[in-house]
């Protein structure tokens, strides 16, 4: 078939693959021209990052926010959110039977859903007969795949608590000179 340049600005007669390499570049593609179907499952659609340099210390046996949070609005309710979070943690105990819990929750329209729980709410646990003062510091990191099933804004946040069987203790997140804690949210196409 002959290639015809029509008077209305169109070209006919070009078969699929008929254009030489490099003739169509990014500038020639319309915004949004590469659809989710063409990108395929698992394509990264957006990335959101949250950070905190503030430290948190708590003696509470209830969950408290650490200040590490990030919010993402999925473009489709069938997409997944890959969550990577990291920071410095610590625990001080003055008696046996104490530990630290750490978890991540997703908040949508003021409703919290737990999406990660560190070792059954006892991420670090101390239990021995010697009632010694002990402080432990280390790094914490997790990567999870979440299915929020919504196109509403999803706020992810890290929380900590003191796990104690009748005794007190103190938990730390990004405390003192620990630097910056990070959270990365990646929306993945279904």
C-alpha atoms as a PDB file:
ATOM      1  CA  UNK A   1       0.000   0.000   0.000  1.00  0.00           C
ATOM      2  CA  UNK A   2       1.230   3.423  -0.875  1.00  0.00           C
ATOM      3  CA  UNK A   3       1.886   5.965   1.834  1.00  0.00           C
ATOM      4  CA  UNK A   4      -0.443   8.934   1.407  1.00  0.00           C
ATOM      5  CA  UNK A   5      -0.203  12.327   3.086  1.00  0.00           C
ATOM      6  CA  UNK A   6      -3.779  13.480   3.227  1.00  0.00           C
ATOM      7  CA  UNK A   7      -4.914  17.078   3.021  1.00  0.00           C
ATOM      8  CA  UNK A   8      -6.417  16.901   6.527  1.00  0.00           C
ATOM      9  CA  UNK A   9      -3.050  16.354   8.249  1.00  0.00           C
ATOM     10  CA  UNK A  10      -3.208  12.548   8.477  1.00  0.00           C
ATOM     11  CA  UNK A  11      -0.978   9.906   6.951  1.00  0.00           C
ATOM     12  CA  UNK A  12      -2.313   6.579   5.682  1.00  0.00           C
ATOM     13  CA  UNK A  13      -0.584   3.459   4.442  1.00  0.00           C
ATOM     14  CA  UNK A  14       1.989   3.095   7.234  1.00  0.00           C
ATOM     15  CA  UNK A  15       1.991  -0.409   8.713  1.00  0.00           C
ATOM     16  CA  UNK A  16       2.873  -1.298  12.315  1.00  0.00           C
ATOM     17  CA  UNK A  17       6.645  -1.045  12.670  1.00  0.00           C
ATOM     18  CA  UNK A  18       6.884   1.050   9.524  1.00  0.00           C
ATOM     19  CA  UNK A  19       8.520   4.034  11.191  1.00  0.00           C
ATOM     20  CA  UNK A  20      12.297   4.021  11.612  1.00  0.00           C
ATOM     21  CA  UNK A  21      13.742   3.829  15.129  1.00  0.00           C
ATOM     22  CA  UNK A  22      13.997   7.166  16.891  1.00  0.00           C
ATOM     23  CA  UNK A  23      11.322   8.942  14.865  1.00  0.00           C
ATOM     24  CA  UNK A  24       8.856   8.956  17.803  1.00  0.00           C
ATOM     25  CA  UNK A  25      10.320  10.382  21.004  1.00  0.00           C
ATOM     26  CA  UNK A  26       8.916  11.346  24.395  1.00  0.00           C
ATOM     27  CA  UNK A  27       7.924  14.829  23.230  1.00  0.00           C
ATOM     28  CA  UNK A  28       5.660  13.333  20.539  1.00  0.00           C
ATOM     29  CA  UNK A  29       3.677  11.202  22.997  1.00  0.00           C
ATOM     30  CA  UNK A  30       0.543  12.715  24.481  1.00  0.00           C
ATOM     31  CA  UNK A  31       0.384  13.047  28.265  1.00  0.00           C
ATOM     32  CA  UNK A  32      -1.043   9.830  29.679  1.00  0.00           C
ATOM     33  CA  UNK A  33      -0.670   8.014  26.330  1.00  0.00           C
ATOM     34  CA  UNK A  34       1.061   5.038  27.946  1.00  0.00           C
ATOM     35  CA  UNK A  35      -1.835   3.416  29.770  1.00  0.00           C
ATOM     36  CA  UNK A  36      -1.674   1.101  32.787  1.00  0.00           C
ATOM     37  CA  UNK A  37      -2.325  -1.821  30.436  1.00  0.00           C
ATOM     38  CA  UNK A  38       0.782  -0.952  28.429  1.00  0.00           C
ATOM     39  CA  UNK A  39       2.908  -0.387  31.559  1.00  0.00           C
ATOM     40  CA  UNK A  40       1.855  -3.764  32.942  1.00  0.00           C
ATOM     41  CA  UNK A  41       1.347  -5.155  36.439  1.00  0.00           C
ATOM     42  CA  UNK A  42       3.935  -4.060  38.978  1.00  0.00           C
ATOM     43  CA  UNK A  43       4.786  -0.772  37.265  1.00  0.00           C
ATOM     44  CA  UNK A  44       5.607   2.003  39.723  1.00  0.00           C
ATOM     45  CA  UNK A  45       2.965   4.707  39.290  1.00  0.00           C
ATOM     46  CA  UNK A  46       4.041   7.150  41.999  1.00  0.00           C
ATOM     47  CA  UNK A  47       6.493   7.465  44.877  1.00  0.00           C
ATOM     48  CA  UNK A  48       5.964   9.424  48.100  1.00  0.00           C
ATOM     49  CA  UNK A  49       8.633   9.898  50.782  1.00  0.00           C
ATOM     50  CA  UNK A  50       8.221  10.935  54.410  1.00  0.00           C
ATOM     51  CA  UNK A  51      11.023  11.677  56.856  1.00  0.00           C
ATOM     52  CA  UNK A  52      11.530  12.763  60.427  1.00  0.00           C
ATOM     53  CA  UNK A  53      14.584  13.930  62.311  1.00  0.00           C
ATOM     54  CA  UNK A  54      12.658  14.261  65.570  1.00  0.00           C
ATOM     55  CA  UNK A  55      13.135  11.687  68.285  1.00  0.00           C
ATOM     56  CA  UNK A  56      10.381   9.958  70.231  1.00  0.00           C
ATOM     57  CA  UNK A  57      10.636   8.483  73.707  1.00  0.00           C
ATOM     58  CA  UNK A  58       7.714   6.931  75.523  1.00  0.00           C
ATOM     59  CA  UNK A  59       6.906   5.011  78.689  1.00  0.00           C
ATOM     60  CA  UNK A  60       3.368   4.243  77.497  1.00  0.00           C
ATOM     61  CA  UNK A  61       2.022   0.706  77.180  1.00  0.00           C
ATOM     62  CA  UNK A  62      -0.378   2.058  74.529  1.00  0.00           C
ATOM     63  CA  UNK A  63       0.634   2.811  70.943  1.00  0.00           C
ATOM     64  CA  UNK A  64       2.119   6.280  70.363  1.00  0.00           C
ATOM     65  CA  UNK A  65       3.018   7.931  67.041  1.00  0.00           C
ATOM     66  CA  UNK A  66       6.723   8.354  66.259  1.00  0.00           C
ATOM     67  CA  UNK A  67       6.301  11.182  63.756  1.00  0.00           C
ATOM     68  CA  UNK A  68       7.406   8.979  60.840  1.00  0.00           C
ATOM     69  CA  UNK A  69       4.509   9.206  58.389  1.00  0.00           C
ATOM     70  CA  UNK A  70       3.712   9.596  54.691  1.00  0.00           C
ATOM     71  CA  UNK A  71       0.464   9.915  52.739  1.00  0.00           C
ATOM     72  CA  UNK A  72      -0.361   8.538  49.291  1.00  0.00           C
ATOM     73  CA  UNK A  73      -3.573   8.556  47.241  1.00  0.00           C
ATOM     74  CA  UNK A  74      -3.827   5.415  45.073  1.00  0.00           C
ATOM     75  CA  UNK A  75      -4.990   5.956  41.488  1.00  0.00           C
ATOM     76  CA  UNK A  76      -6.896   2.642  41.520  1.00  0.00           C
ATOM     77  CA  UNK A  77      -8.451   0.620  44.342  1.00  0.00           C
ATOM     78  CA  UNK A  78      -6.893  -2.554  42.892  1.00  0.00           C
ATOM     79  CA  UNK A  79      -3.316  -1.251  43.117  1.00  0.00           C
ATOM     80  CA  UNK A  80      -0.906  -2.191  45.906  1.00  0.00           C
ATOM     81  CA  UNK A  81       1.253   0.092  48.034  1.00  0.00           C
ATOM     82  CA  UNK A  82       4.813  -1.053  48.707  1.00  0.00           C
ATOM     83  CA  UNK A  83       5.919   0.454  52.017  1.00  0.00           C
ATOM     84  CA  UNK A  84       9.547   0.682  53.120  1.00  0.00           C
ATOM     85  CA  UNK A  85      10.325   2.267  56.473  1.00  0.00           C
ATOM     86  CA  UNK A  86      13.510   2.495  58.528  1.00  0.00           C
ATOM     87  CA  UNK A  87      14.813   4.254  61.602  1.00  0.00           C
ATOM     88  CA  UNK A  88      16.794   3.855  64.803  1.00  0.00           C
ATOM     89  CA  UNK A  89      15.132   2.200  67.795  1.00  0.00           C
ATOM     90  CA  UNK A  90      16.044   1.747  71.422  1.00  0.00           C
ATOM     91  CA  UNK A  91      14.726   0.350  74.685  1.00  0.00           C
ATOM     92  CA  UNK A  92      15.649   1.061  78.287  1.00  0.00           C
ATOM     93  CA  UNK A  93      14.533  -1.329  80.999  1.00  0.00           C
ATOM     94  CA  UNK A  94      14.995  -1.212  84.714  1.00  0.00           C
ATOM     95  CA  UNK A  95      13.475  -4.617  85.562  1.00  0.00           C
ATOM     96  CA  UNK A  96      12.917  -7.955  83.853  1.00  0.00           C
ATOM     97  CA  UNK A  97       9.829  -8.756  81.810  1.00  0.00           C
ATOM     98  CA  UNK A  98      10.003  -5.729  79.517  1.00  0.00           C
ATOM     99  CA  UNK A  99      10.098  -5.188  75.794  1.00  0.00           C
ATOM    100  CA  UNK A 100       9.352  -2.883  72.906  1.00  0.00           C
ATOM    101  CA  UNK A 101       6.576  -3.117  70.337  1.00  0.00           C
ATOM    102  CA  UNK A 102       6.622  -1.427  66.931  1.00  0.00           C
ATOM    103  CA  UNK A 103       3.927  -1.376  64.280  1.00  0.00           C
ATOM    104  CA  UNK A 104       2.674   0.459  61.213  1.00  0.00           C
ATOM    105  CA  UNK A 105      -0.898   1.566  60.648  1.00  0.00           C
ATOM    106  CA  UNK A 106      -2.747   2.878  57.615  1.00  0.00           C
ATOM    107  CA  UNK A 107      -5.247   5.663  58.317  1.00  0.00           C
ATOM    108  CA  UNK A 108      -8.086   6.270  55.861  1.00  0.00           C
ATOM    109  CA  UNK A 109     -10.884   8.665  56.855  1.00  0.00           C
ATOM    110  CA  UNK A 110      -9.823   8.604  60.542  1.00  0.00           C
ATOM    111  CA  UNK A 111      -9.926   4.783  60.683  1.00  0.00           C
ATOM    112  CA  UNK A 112      -6.679   2.945  61.572  1.00  0.00           C
ATOM    113  CA  UNK A 113      -5.779  -0.478  60.157  1.00  0.00           C
ATOM    114  CA  UNK A 114      -2.657  -2.291  61.340  1.00  0.00           C
ATOM    115  CA  UNK A 115      -0.526  -3.315  58.355  1.00  0.00           C
ATOM    116  CA  UNK A 116       2.651  -4.393  60.197  1.00  0.00           C
ATOM    117  CA  UNK A 117       3.214  -5.642  63.721  1.00  0.00           C
ATOM    118  CA  UNK A 118       6.742  -6.340  64.919  1.00  0.00           C
ATOM    119  CA  UNK A 119       6.883  -9.874  66.309  1.00  0.00           C
ATOM    120  CA  UNK A 120       3.459  -9.924  67.929  1.00  0.00           C
ATOM    121  CA  UNK A 121       3.875  -6.435  69.441  1.00  0.00           C
ATOM    122  CA  UNK A 122       7.119  -7.517  71.119  1.00  0.00           C
ATOM    123  CA  UNK A 123       9.852  -6.449  68.731  1.00  0.00           C
ATOM    124  CA  UNK A 124      12.562  -6.417  71.406  1.00  0.00           C
ATOM    125  CA  UNK A 125      11.941  -8.333  74.617  1.00  0.00           C
ATOM    126  CA  UNK A 126      13.996  -8.698  77.810  1.00  0.00           C
ATOM    127  CA  UNK A 127      13.227 -11.262  80.444  1.00  0.00           C
ATOM    128  CA  UNK A 128      15.729 -12.489  82.995  1.00  0.00           C
ATOM    129  CA  UNK A 129      15.966 -12.809  86.740  1.00  0.00           C
ATOM    130  CA  UNK A 130      18.539 -10.043  87.153  1.00  0.00           C
ATOM    131  CA  UNK A 131      16.878  -6.660  87.597  1.00  0.00           C
ATOM    132  CA  UNK A 132      19.576  -4.735  85.772  1.00  0.00           C
ATOM    133  CA  UNK A 133      19.290  -1.392  84.052  1.00  0.00           C
ATOM    134  CA  UNK A 134      19.819  -2.088  80.355  1.00  0.00           C
ATOM    135  CA  UNK A 135      19.636   0.156  77.293  1.00  0.00           C
ATOM    136  CA  UNK A 136      19.748  -1.327  73.810  1.00  0.00           C
ATOM    137  CA  UNK A 137      19.899   0.606  70.532  1.00  0.00           C
ATOM    138  CA  UNK A 138      19.760  -0.622  66.975  1.00  0.00           C
ATOM    139  CA  UNK A 139      18.287  -0.074  63.563  1.00  0.00           C
ATOM    140  CA  UNK A 140      14.859  -1.136  62.347  1.00  0.00           C
ATOM    141  CA  UNK A 141      13.648  -1.593  58.794  1.00  0.00           C
ATOM    142  CA  UNK A 142      10.641  -3.215  57.156  1.00  0.00           C
ATOM    143  CA  UNK A 143       9.187  -3.594  53.679  1.00  0.00           C
ATOM    144  CA  UNK A 144       5.576  -4.645  53.232  1.00  0.00           C
ATOM    145  CA  UNK A 145       3.050  -4.856  50.416  1.00  0.00           C
ATOM    146  CA  UNK A 146      -0.330  -3.421  51.391  1.00  0.00           C
ATOM    147  CA  UNK A 147      -3.682  -3.584  49.582  1.00  0.00           C
ATOM    148  CA  UNK A 148      -5.679  -0.569  50.811  1.00  0.00           C
ATOM    149  CA  UNK A 149      -8.522  -1.192  48.295  1.00  0.00           C
ATOM    150  CA  UNK A 150      -9.351   2.508  48.041  1.00  0.00           C
ATOM    151  CA  UNK A 151      -8.641   5.641  46.049  1.00  0.00           C
ATOM    152  CA  UNK A 152      -8.849   7.778  49.194  1.00  0.00           C
ATOM    153  CA  UNK A 153      -5.739   9.283  50.800  1.00  0.00           C
ATOM    154  CA  UNK A 154      -3.869   6.678  52.864  1.00  0.00           C
ATOM    155  CA  UNK A 155      -1.637   7.921  55.691  1.00  0.00           C
ATOM    156  CA  UNK A 156       0.927   5.372  56.874  1.00  0.00           C
ATOM    157  CA  UNK A 157       2.549   5.919  60.271  1.00  0.00           C
ATOM    158  CA  UNK A 158       4.926   4.084  62.603  1.00  0.00           C
ATOM    159  CA  UNK A 159       3.977   3.622  66.266  1.00  0.00           C
ATOM    160  CA  UNK A 160       5.765   2.187  69.326  1.00  0.00           C
ATOM    161  CA  UNK A 161       4.835   1.012  72.824  1.00  0.00           C
ATOM    162  CA  UNK A 162       6.399  -0.400  75.977  1.00  0.00           C
ATOM    163  CA  UNK A 163       5.640  -4.062  76.492  1.00  0.00           C
ATOM    164  CA  UNK A 164       5.820  -4.649  80.215  1.00  0.00           C
ATOM    165  CA  UNK A 165       4.487  -7.324  82.518  1.00  0.00           C
ATOM    166  CA  UNK A 166       3.954  -5.127  85.556  1.00  0.00           C
ATOM    167  CA  UNK A 167       7.142  -3.089  85.185  1.00  0.00           C
ATOM    168  CA  UNK A 168       8.056   0.172  83.509  1.00  0.00           C
ATOM    169  CA  UNK A 169      10.483   0.895  80.717  1.00  0.00           C
ATOM    170  CA  UNK A 170      11.188   3.437  77.982  1.00  0.00           C
ATOM    171  CA  UNK A 171      11.127   2.958  74.223  1.00  0.00           C
ATOM    172  CA  UNK A 172      12.919   5.207  71.752  1.00  0.00           C
ATOM    173  CA  UNK A 173      12.465   5.864  68.051  1.00  0.00           C
ATOM    174  CA  UNK A 174      15.025   7.969  66.215  1.00  0.00           C
ATOM    175  CA  UNK A 175      16.071   9.278  69.602  1.00  0.00           C
ATOM    176  CA  UNK A 176      18.771  11.895  70.248  1.00  0.00           C
ATOM    177  CA  UNK A 177      21.490  11.793  67.577  1.00  0.00           C
ATOM    178  CA  UNK A 178      19.971   9.067  65.390  1.00  0.00           C
ATOM    179  CA  UNK A 179      19.666  11.194  62.239  1.00  0.00           C
ATOM    180  CA  UNK A 180      16.793  10.825  59.773  1.00  0.00           C
ATOM    181  CA  UNK A 181      14.131   8.109  59.663  1.00  0.00           C
ATOM    182  CA  UNK A 182      12.590   7.376  56.256  1.00  0.00           C
ATOM    183  CA  UNK A 183       9.348   6.036  54.816  1.00  0.00           C
ATOM    184  CA  UNK A 184       8.891   5.398  51.092  1.00  0.00           C
ATOM    185  CA  UNK A 185       5.471   4.593  49.580  1.00  0.00           C
ATOM    186  CA  UNK A 186       5.362   3.178  46.043  1.00  0.00           C
ATOM    187  CA  UNK A 187       2.072   2.646  44.226  1.00  0.00           C
ATOM    188  CA  UNK A 188       2.276  -0.514  42.112  1.00  0.00           C
ATOM    189  CA  UNK A 189      -0.071  -1.149  39.180  1.00  0.00           C
ATOM    190  CA  UNK A 190      -2.326  -4.193  39.591  1.00  0.00           C
END
